N, C-alpha and C. Protein backbone atom coordinates (compact mmCIF):
# COMPACT_ATOMS: atom_id res chain seq x y z
N MET A 1 -26.84 43.04 -103.70
CA MET A 1 -26.84 42.11 -102.50
C MET A 1 -26.64 40.44 -103.28
N ASP A 2 -26.08 39.81 -103.13
CA ASP A 2 -26.22 38.34 -103.42
C ASP A 2 -25.71 37.43 -102.19
N ALA A 3 -25.67 36.36 -102.21
CA ALA A 3 -25.50 35.18 -101.12
C ALA A 3 -25.50 33.93 -102.16
N HIS A 4 -24.51 33.10 -101.84
CA HIS A 4 -24.38 31.89 -102.16
C HIS A 4 -23.86 30.72 -101.05
N VAL A 5 -25.12 29.26 -101.24
CA VAL A 5 -24.72 28.54 -100.18
C VAL A 5 -24.41 27.38 -101.09
N THR A 6 -22.77 26.83 -100.37
CA THR A 6 -22.54 25.66 -101.13
C THR A 6 -22.92 24.45 -100.59
N TRP A 7 -23.40 23.45 -100.62
CA TRP A 7 -23.88 21.86 -100.26
C TRP A 7 -22.16 21.29 -99.68
N ARG A 8 -21.76 20.84 -98.68
CA ARG A 8 -20.92 20.05 -98.11
C ARG A 8 -21.16 18.54 -98.13
N GLN A 9 -21.92 17.93 -96.81
CA GLN A 9 -22.16 17.02 -96.88
C GLN A 9 -23.67 17.39 -95.70
N LYS A 10 -24.32 15.80 -96.16
CA LYS A 10 -25.54 15.84 -95.08
C LYS A 10 -26.18 17.13 -95.26
N LEU A 11 -26.57 17.84 -94.24
CA LEU A 11 -27.37 19.23 -93.87
C LEU A 11 -26.02 20.08 -93.44
N SER A 12 -25.10 20.20 -94.01
CA SER A 12 -23.83 20.97 -93.75
C SER A 12 -23.85 21.96 -95.08
N PHE A 13 -23.85 22.71 -95.29
CA PHE A 13 -23.60 23.82 -96.40
C PHE A 13 -22.65 25.20 -95.58
N THR A 14 -21.65 25.88 -96.78
CA THR A 14 -20.91 27.14 -96.33
C THR A 14 -21.58 27.85 -97.28
N GLY A 15 -22.19 29.54 -96.23
CA GLY A 15 -22.53 30.28 -97.09
C GLY A 15 -21.87 31.43 -97.29
N THR A 16 -21.82 32.27 -98.12
CA THR A 16 -20.73 33.16 -98.47
C THR A 16 -21.43 34.24 -99.38
N ALA A 17 -20.89 36.14 -99.39
CA ALA A 17 -21.82 36.67 -99.70
C ALA A 17 -20.86 37.88 -100.19
N ASN A 18 -21.10 38.89 -100.74
CA ASN A 18 -20.41 40.01 -101.12
C ASN A 18 -19.27 40.49 -100.60
N SER A 19 -19.61 40.31 -99.39
CA SER A 19 -18.49 40.56 -98.49
C SER A 19 -17.11 39.58 -98.73
N GLY A 20 -17.24 38.55 -98.74
CA GLY A 20 -16.49 37.61 -99.32
C GLY A 20 -16.30 36.95 -97.96
N PHE A 21 -16.49 36.98 -96.84
CA PHE A 21 -16.57 36.23 -95.53
C PHE A 21 -17.37 35.16 -96.01
N SER A 22 -17.62 33.54 -95.10
CA SER A 22 -17.86 32.39 -94.90
C SER A 22 -18.52 32.07 -93.54
N LEU A 23 -19.35 31.36 -93.81
CA LEU A 23 -19.90 31.11 -92.81
C LEU A 23 -20.51 29.49 -93.04
N PRO A 24 -20.50 28.75 -91.34
CA PRO A 24 -21.06 26.85 -91.92
C PRO A 24 -22.77 27.46 -91.44
N LEU A 25 -23.30 26.59 -92.27
CA LEU A 25 -24.56 26.45 -91.90
C LEU A 25 -24.84 25.02 -91.72
N GLY A 26 -25.34 24.63 -90.66
CA GLY A 26 -25.66 23.17 -89.97
C GLY A 26 -27.13 22.77 -89.99
N GLY A 27 -27.30 21.54 -89.49
CA GLY A 27 -28.65 21.23 -89.17
C GLY A 27 -28.80 20.13 -88.46
N ARG A 28 -29.42 20.38 -87.68
CA ARG A 28 -29.76 19.56 -85.91
C ARG A 28 -29.45 18.11 -86.57
N SER A 29 -28.76 17.39 -85.39
CA SER A 29 -28.52 15.74 -85.88
C SER A 29 -29.63 14.99 -86.24
N SER A 30 -30.84 15.58 -85.31
CA SER A 30 -32.14 15.01 -84.81
C SER A 30 -32.69 14.96 -86.82
N ALA A 31 -32.65 16.06 -87.31
CA ALA A 31 -32.85 15.79 -88.67
C ALA A 31 -32.00 15.55 -90.19
N GLY A 32 -31.37 14.71 -88.90
CA GLY A 32 -29.87 14.40 -90.24
C GLY A 32 -28.83 15.19 -90.54
N GLY A 33 -28.49 16.35 -89.91
CA GLY A 33 -27.30 17.17 -89.88
C GLY A 33 -26.60 16.61 -88.99
N ASP A 34 -25.14 17.52 -88.86
CA ASP A 34 -24.17 16.92 -87.83
C ASP A 34 -24.02 18.35 -86.90
N ASP A 35 -24.76 19.16 -86.70
CA ASP A 35 -25.25 20.11 -85.94
C ASP A 35 -23.47 21.00 -86.07
N ASP A 36 -23.04 21.44 -86.98
CA ASP A 36 -21.61 22.14 -87.15
C ASP A 36 -21.73 23.41 -88.22
N GLY A 37 -22.60 23.80 -87.80
CA GLY A 37 -23.31 25.46 -88.29
C GLY A 37 -24.36 26.10 -87.81
N PHE A 38 -24.38 27.49 -88.02
CA PHE A 38 -25.59 27.76 -87.86
C PHE A 38 -27.14 27.44 -88.38
N ARG A 39 -28.02 27.70 -87.86
CA ARG A 39 -29.49 27.20 -88.29
C ARG A 39 -29.60 28.89 -89.10
N PRO A 40 -30.80 28.38 -90.22
CA PRO A 40 -30.91 30.02 -91.29
C PRO A 40 -31.50 30.60 -90.82
N MET A 41 -32.67 30.40 -89.30
CA MET A 41 -33.17 31.28 -88.72
C MET A 41 -32.47 32.14 -87.58
N GLU A 42 -31.28 31.69 -86.96
CA GLU A 42 -30.45 32.06 -86.40
C GLU A 42 -29.81 33.09 -87.04
N LEU A 43 -29.55 33.19 -88.11
CA LEU A 43 -28.78 34.13 -88.89
C LEU A 43 -29.58 35.48 -89.42
N LEU A 44 -31.29 34.83 -89.40
CA LEU A 44 -31.91 36.06 -89.56
C LEU A 44 -31.79 36.95 -88.32
N LEU A 45 -31.94 36.42 -87.15
CA LEU A 45 -32.01 36.74 -86.26
C LEU A 45 -30.60 37.48 -85.60
N ILE A 46 -29.90 37.00 -85.75
CA ILE A 46 -28.44 37.66 -85.86
C ILE A 46 -28.31 39.27 -86.65
N GLY A 47 -28.16 39.11 -87.45
CA GLY A 47 -29.19 39.89 -88.77
C GLY A 47 -29.53 40.92 -88.03
N LEU A 48 -31.06 40.79 -87.64
CA LEU A 48 -31.57 41.39 -87.04
C LEU A 48 -30.85 42.18 -86.01
N ALA A 49 -30.39 41.57 -84.89
CA ALA A 49 -29.66 42.36 -83.84
C ALA A 49 -28.32 42.96 -84.09
N GLY A 50 -28.08 42.97 -85.08
CA GLY A 50 -26.43 43.11 -85.63
C GLY A 50 -26.66 44.52 -86.22
N CYS A 51 -27.58 44.39 -87.46
CA CYS A 51 -28.33 46.03 -88.00
C CYS A 51 -28.72 46.64 -87.34
N THR A 52 -29.30 46.52 -86.00
CA THR A 52 -29.44 47.66 -85.03
C THR A 52 -28.39 48.04 -84.34
N ALA A 53 -27.58 46.91 -83.79
CA ALA A 53 -26.77 47.58 -82.87
C ALA A 53 -25.79 48.18 -83.51
N MET A 54 -25.15 48.12 -85.20
CA MET A 54 -24.46 49.15 -86.00
C MET A 54 -25.12 50.48 -85.87
N ASP A 55 -25.90 50.38 -86.16
CA ASP A 55 -26.83 51.39 -85.93
C ASP A 55 -26.68 52.64 -84.76
N VAL A 56 -27.38 52.16 -83.56
CA VAL A 56 -27.06 52.29 -82.70
C VAL A 56 -26.07 53.19 -81.65
N VAL A 57 -24.97 51.91 -81.61
CA VAL A 57 -23.70 52.47 -81.92
C VAL A 57 -22.89 53.75 -82.44
N SER A 58 -23.37 53.60 -84.12
CA SER A 58 -22.92 54.53 -84.66
C SER A 58 -23.49 55.96 -84.20
N ILE A 59 -24.69 55.83 -83.89
CA ILE A 59 -25.62 57.23 -83.50
C ILE A 59 -24.95 57.55 -82.20
N LEU A 60 -24.71 57.15 -81.09
CA LEU A 60 -24.16 57.24 -79.67
C LEU A 60 -22.94 58.07 -79.99
N GLN A 61 -22.10 57.05 -80.56
CA GLN A 61 -20.79 57.96 -80.71
C GLN A 61 -21.04 59.20 -81.44
N LYS A 62 -21.96 59.43 -82.40
CA LYS A 62 -22.04 60.68 -82.96
C LYS A 62 -22.28 61.56 -81.78
N LYS A 63 -23.25 61.66 -80.86
CA LYS A 63 -23.65 62.20 -80.16
C LYS A 63 -23.22 62.10 -78.72
N ARG A 64 -21.43 62.09 -79.28
CA ARG A 64 -20.48 62.04 -77.91
C ARG A 64 -20.99 61.48 -76.81
N GLN A 65 -21.65 60.48 -76.94
CA GLN A 65 -21.67 59.52 -75.67
C GLN A 65 -20.81 58.34 -75.20
N GLU A 66 -20.33 58.47 -73.71
CA GLU A 66 -18.70 57.96 -73.61
C GLU A 66 -19.50 56.12 -73.21
N ILE A 67 -19.78 55.67 -74.54
CA ILE A 67 -19.65 54.24 -74.41
C ILE A 67 -18.51 53.38 -73.88
N THR A 68 -18.71 52.16 -72.88
CA THR A 68 -17.21 51.51 -72.54
C THR A 68 -18.35 50.05 -72.98
N ALA A 69 -19.31 49.47 -73.32
CA ALA A 69 -19.43 48.17 -73.73
C ALA A 69 -20.74 48.28 -74.04
N PHE A 70 -21.32 47.52 -75.11
CA PHE A 70 -22.32 47.59 -75.74
C PHE A 70 -23.26 46.33 -76.18
N GLU A 71 -24.38 46.28 -76.27
CA GLU A 71 -24.84 44.43 -76.61
C GLU A 71 -26.14 44.63 -76.78
N VAL A 72 -26.47 43.49 -77.48
CA VAL A 72 -27.98 43.64 -78.32
C VAL A 72 -28.24 42.16 -77.79
N GLU A 73 -29.26 41.60 -77.32
CA GLU A 73 -29.96 40.83 -77.25
C GLU A 73 -31.32 40.98 -78.44
N ALA A 74 -31.69 39.46 -79.10
CA ALA A 74 -32.85 39.51 -79.71
C ALA A 74 -33.82 37.89 -79.09
N HIS A 75 -34.98 37.83 -79.03
CA HIS A 75 -35.94 37.09 -78.45
C HIS A 75 -36.62 36.69 -79.36
N ALA A 76 -36.87 35.46 -80.08
CA ALA A 76 -37.58 35.47 -80.82
C ALA A 76 -38.55 34.65 -80.88
N GLU A 77 -40.01 34.81 -80.86
CA GLU A 77 -41.13 33.77 -80.58
C GLU A 77 -41.32 33.16 -82.22
N ARG A 78 -41.46 31.82 -82.24
CA ARG A 78 -41.85 31.06 -83.82
C ARG A 78 -43.00 30.44 -83.37
N ALA A 79 -43.69 30.39 -84.43
CA ALA A 79 -44.55 29.41 -84.34
C ALA A 79 -44.92 28.07 -84.44
N ALA A 80 -45.98 27.16 -83.98
CA ALA A 80 -45.72 26.12 -83.41
C ALA A 80 -45.37 25.14 -84.36
N GLU A 81 -46.33 25.53 -85.53
CA GLU A 81 -46.51 24.75 -87.31
C GLU A 81 -45.57 25.27 -87.94
N HIS A 82 -44.66 24.51 -88.82
CA HIS A 82 -44.26 24.65 -89.76
C HIS A 82 -44.72 25.63 -90.73
N PRO A 83 -44.48 26.47 -91.59
CA PRO A 83 -43.01 27.05 -91.69
C PRO A 83 -42.16 27.20 -90.25
N ARG A 84 -42.84 27.49 -88.98
CA ARG A 84 -42.15 28.01 -88.08
C ARG A 84 -41.61 29.43 -87.94
N VAL A 85 -42.37 30.34 -88.83
CA VAL A 85 -42.10 31.30 -88.98
C VAL A 85 -41.84 32.33 -87.62
N PHE A 86 -41.33 33.72 -87.28
CA PHE A 86 -41.50 34.66 -86.11
C PHE A 86 -42.55 34.81 -85.89
N THR A 87 -42.93 35.08 -84.85
CA THR A 87 -44.34 35.74 -84.75
C THR A 87 -44.24 36.65 -83.82
N SER A 88 -43.12 37.21 -83.40
CA SER A 88 -42.69 38.38 -82.38
C SER A 88 -41.27 38.21 -81.89
N VAL A 89 -40.33 39.63 -82.08
CA VAL A 89 -39.48 39.59 -81.71
C VAL A 89 -39.27 40.68 -80.57
N VAL A 90 -38.21 40.30 -79.34
CA VAL A 90 -38.22 41.49 -78.16
C VAL A 90 -36.59 41.67 -78.32
N ILE A 91 -35.98 42.85 -78.72
CA ILE A 91 -34.56 42.97 -79.01
C ILE A 91 -34.27 43.95 -77.45
N GLU A 92 -33.28 43.42 -76.93
CA GLU A 92 -32.93 44.37 -75.72
C GLU A 92 -31.63 44.99 -75.85
N TYR A 93 -31.22 46.31 -75.87
CA TYR A 93 -30.05 47.07 -75.86
C TYR A 93 -29.58 46.86 -74.35
N PHE A 94 -28.11 47.03 -74.21
CA PHE A 94 -27.70 46.72 -72.79
C PHE A 94 -26.24 47.93 -72.86
N VAL A 95 -26.41 48.80 -72.71
CA VAL A 95 -25.41 50.02 -72.88
C VAL A 95 -24.92 50.79 -71.72
N SER A 96 -23.55 50.50 -71.59
CA SER A 96 -22.47 50.80 -70.58
C SER A 96 -21.68 51.67 -70.70
N GLY A 97 -21.71 52.86 -69.98
CA GLY A 97 -21.08 54.10 -70.12
C GLY A 97 -20.54 55.11 -68.94
N LEU A 98 -20.24 56.07 -69.44
CA LEU A 98 -20.19 56.78 -68.45
C LEU A 98 -20.90 58.06 -68.51
N ALA A 99 -21.91 58.24 -67.80
CA ALA A 99 -22.74 59.27 -67.87
C ALA A 99 -23.80 59.09 -68.65
N VAL A 100 -24.12 57.78 -69.95
CA VAL A 100 -24.85 58.11 -70.70
C VAL A 100 -26.30 58.61 -70.45
N ASP A 101 -26.58 59.14 -71.56
CA ASP A 101 -27.66 60.54 -71.78
C ASP A 101 -28.97 59.18 -72.25
N GLU A 102 -29.71 59.02 -71.46
CA GLU A 102 -31.27 57.93 -71.71
C GLU A 102 -31.98 58.81 -72.64
N ASP A 103 -31.82 59.90 -72.74
CA ASP A 103 -32.93 60.51 -74.22
C ASP A 103 -31.75 60.02 -75.68
N ALA A 104 -30.73 59.69 -75.40
CA ALA A 104 -29.54 60.04 -76.57
C ALA A 104 -29.99 58.29 -77.13
N VAL A 105 -30.06 57.79 -75.65
CA VAL A 105 -30.41 56.26 -76.07
C VAL A 105 -31.56 55.98 -76.75
N ILE A 106 -32.52 56.50 -76.47
CA ILE A 106 -34.08 56.33 -76.91
C ILE A 106 -33.63 57.10 -78.45
N ARG A 107 -33.33 58.05 -78.38
CA ARG A 107 -33.08 58.74 -80.30
C ARG A 107 -32.38 57.93 -80.70
N ALA A 108 -31.31 56.94 -80.37
CA ALA A 108 -30.52 55.72 -81.04
C ALA A 108 -31.35 54.79 -81.81
N ILE A 109 -32.05 54.12 -80.33
CA ILE A 109 -33.12 53.14 -80.83
C ILE A 109 -34.14 53.43 -82.07
N GLU A 110 -34.93 55.02 -81.90
CA GLU A 110 -35.85 55.67 -82.26
C GLU A 110 -35.41 55.49 -83.81
N LEU A 111 -34.60 56.01 -84.05
CA LEU A 111 -33.56 56.25 -85.51
C LEU A 111 -33.33 55.15 -86.26
N SER A 112 -32.61 54.13 -85.51
CA SER A 112 -32.30 52.54 -85.99
C SER A 112 -33.86 51.96 -86.58
N ALA A 113 -34.62 52.37 -85.65
CA ALA A 113 -35.88 51.09 -86.00
C ALA A 113 -37.00 51.84 -86.89
N LEU A 114 -36.79 52.98 -86.80
CA LEU A 114 -37.85 53.94 -88.29
C LEU A 114 -36.87 54.71 -89.25
N ARG A 115 -35.66 54.43 -89.08
CA ARG A 115 -35.45 55.40 -90.67
C ARG A 115 -34.05 54.78 -90.76
N TYR A 116 -33.23 53.53 -90.13
CA TYR A 116 -31.64 53.16 -90.68
C TYR A 116 -31.79 51.82 -90.68
N CYS A 117 -32.31 51.38 -89.77
CA CYS A 117 -32.37 49.54 -89.97
C CYS A 117 -33.03 48.63 -90.93
N PRO A 118 -32.89 48.44 -92.33
CA PRO A 118 -33.55 47.57 -93.23
C PRO A 118 -33.96 46.69 -92.57
N ALA A 119 -33.77 45.73 -91.47
CA ALA A 119 -33.89 44.46 -90.97
C ALA A 119 -35.22 45.19 -90.28
N GLN A 120 -35.24 45.60 -89.36
CA GLN A 120 -36.26 45.95 -88.65
C GLN A 120 -37.29 46.92 -89.85
N GLY A 121 -37.20 47.78 -90.51
CA GLY A 121 -38.08 48.07 -91.23
C GLY A 121 -38.78 47.18 -92.03
N MET A 122 -38.19 45.90 -92.52
CA MET A 122 -38.39 45.17 -93.10
C MET A 122 -39.41 43.96 -92.31
N PHE A 123 -38.70 43.42 -91.20
CA PHE A 123 -39.52 42.65 -89.97
C PHE A 123 -40.36 43.04 -89.38
N ARG A 124 -40.87 44.61 -89.18
CA ARG A 124 -41.67 45.21 -88.13
C ARG A 124 -43.51 44.81 -88.80
N GLN A 125 -43.18 45.00 -91.00
CA GLN A 125 -44.38 44.81 -91.40
C GLN A 125 -44.90 43.58 -91.13
N ILE A 126 -44.32 42.84 -90.86
CA ILE A 126 -44.51 40.82 -90.48
C ILE A 126 -45.12 40.74 -89.06
N PHE A 127 -44.39 41.36 -88.09
CA PHE A 127 -44.63 40.74 -86.49
C PHE A 127 -44.07 41.37 -85.78
N PRO A 128 -44.75 42.14 -84.93
CA PRO A 128 -44.69 43.41 -83.50
C PRO A 128 -43.08 42.62 -83.20
N MET A 129 -42.47 43.97 -82.95
CA MET A 129 -41.19 43.74 -82.04
C MET A 129 -40.95 44.36 -80.41
N ALA A 130 -40.77 44.11 -79.64
CA ALA A 130 -41.13 45.51 -78.44
C ALA A 130 -38.89 45.87 -78.42
N LEU A 131 -38.83 46.97 -78.25
CA LEU A 131 -38.07 47.49 -78.12
C LEU A 131 -37.08 47.88 -76.51
N LYS A 132 -36.30 47.07 -75.93
CA LYS A 132 -36.19 47.38 -74.48
C LYS A 132 -35.03 47.94 -74.12
N TYR A 133 -34.44 48.80 -72.99
CA TYR A 133 -33.18 49.45 -73.01
C TYR A 133 -32.49 49.34 -71.60
N TYR A 134 -31.09 49.05 -71.32
CA TYR A 134 -30.65 49.11 -70.38
C TYR A 134 -29.32 49.79 -69.96
N ILE A 135 -29.40 51.04 -69.47
CA ILE A 135 -28.37 51.85 -69.09
C ILE A 135 -27.59 51.52 -68.19
N TYR A 136 -26.21 50.87 -68.49
CA TYR A 136 -25.57 50.83 -66.80
C TYR A 136 -24.34 51.88 -66.84
N GLU A 137 -24.13 52.26 -65.59
CA GLU A 137 -23.28 53.20 -65.31
C GLU A 137 -21.82 52.45 -65.18
N ASP A 138 -20.43 52.68 -65.61
CA ASP A 138 -19.42 51.88 -65.48
C ASP A 138 -18.34 52.23 -64.59
N HIS A 139 -18.37 51.48 -63.20
CA HIS A 139 -17.66 51.59 -62.48
C HIS A 139 -16.26 51.15 -62.40
N GLY A 140 -15.40 50.97 -63.91
CA GLY A 140 -14.04 50.24 -64.18
C GLY A 140 -14.36 49.10 -63.36
N GLU A 141 -13.35 48.68 -62.64
CA GLU A 141 -13.05 47.16 -61.97
C GLU A 141 -14.04 47.16 -60.57
N ASP A 142 -14.99 48.09 -60.44
CA ASP A 142 -15.63 47.81 -59.56
C ASP A 142 -17.20 47.63 -60.28
N GLY A 143 -17.27 47.20 -61.39
CA GLY A 143 -18.22 46.63 -62.18
C GLY A 143 -19.21 48.00 -62.25
N LYS A 144 -20.51 47.18 -62.51
CA LYS A 144 -21.51 48.47 -63.20
C LYS A 144 -22.78 48.30 -62.42
N THR A 145 -23.14 49.50 -62.46
CA THR A 145 -24.79 49.80 -61.98
C THR A 145 -25.74 50.27 -62.85
N LEU A 146 -26.81 49.38 -63.31
CA LEU A 146 -28.19 49.77 -63.80
C LEU A 146 -28.70 51.09 -63.43
N VAL A 147 -28.29 52.26 -64.01
CA VAL A 147 -29.02 53.27 -63.54
C VAL A 147 -30.44 53.54 -64.66
N LYS A 148 -30.58 53.07 -65.56
CA LYS A 148 -32.21 53.18 -66.15
C LYS A 148 -32.32 52.25 -67.17
N GLU A 149 -33.89 51.68 -67.09
CA GLU A 149 -34.47 50.67 -68.14
C GLU A 149 -35.59 51.34 -68.70
N GLY A 150 -36.19 50.76 -69.80
CA GLY A 150 -37.29 51.35 -70.48
C GLY A 150 -37.61 50.38 -71.43
N GLU A 151 -38.83 51.15 -72.14
CA GLU A 151 -39.30 50.13 -73.32
C GLU A 151 -39.17 51.53 -74.52
N TYR A 152 -38.36 51.96 -75.69
CA TYR A 152 -38.86 52.45 -76.75
C TYR A 152 -40.36 52.33 -77.04
N LEU A 153 -40.53 51.32 -77.70
CA LEU A 153 -41.74 51.06 -77.98
C LEU A 153 -42.10 49.61 -78.08
N ALA A 154 -43.22 49.56 -78.69
CA ALA A 154 -44.04 47.96 -79.16
C ALA A 154 -43.77 48.61 -80.86
N THR A 155 -42.67 47.90 -81.98
CA THR A 155 -43.33 47.97 -83.31
C THR A 155 -44.23 47.72 -83.49
N MET A 156 -45.64 47.79 -83.88
CA MET A 156 -46.78 46.70 -84.53
C MET A 156 -46.50 46.67 -85.92
N VAL A 157 -46.60 45.36 -86.51
CA VAL A 157 -47.24 44.94 -88.11
C VAL A 157 -48.04 46.34 -88.84
N ASN A 158 -47.77 46.39 -89.25
CA ASN A 158 -48.31 47.87 -90.31
C ASN A 158 -48.97 47.39 -90.93
């Protein structure tokens, strides 16, 4: 895998990778940037959330779970001092569907955390992660109801 970042102006860059897609990177105006793109640390967190999201949805589909909506939120704490690394992350999985099985959700999260998601595999060696889930019953136009919530585990630094 390769990545390439090209400077445009001030603290504005364009990033590309093997996939061929590009995205803007930018710095805060208070740091001399134009607030015109993702911050690199945001991309790390988005990458972590995206990696596990793709795993969990794929696994739930293979388990024939009827998913109607799915979201992952990742919340990172950062060190106060530079280089302001992540010190912990909470990942929250929001699963909506019809009679979604809690055991299937837990197993999908477990497989992502321990076997399939390279971002989790790498980051859990550096800082702790808490993995929480929320399962909603989808009532169509009448909304949805939270039916289960829990925490799979808190992965600890190896």
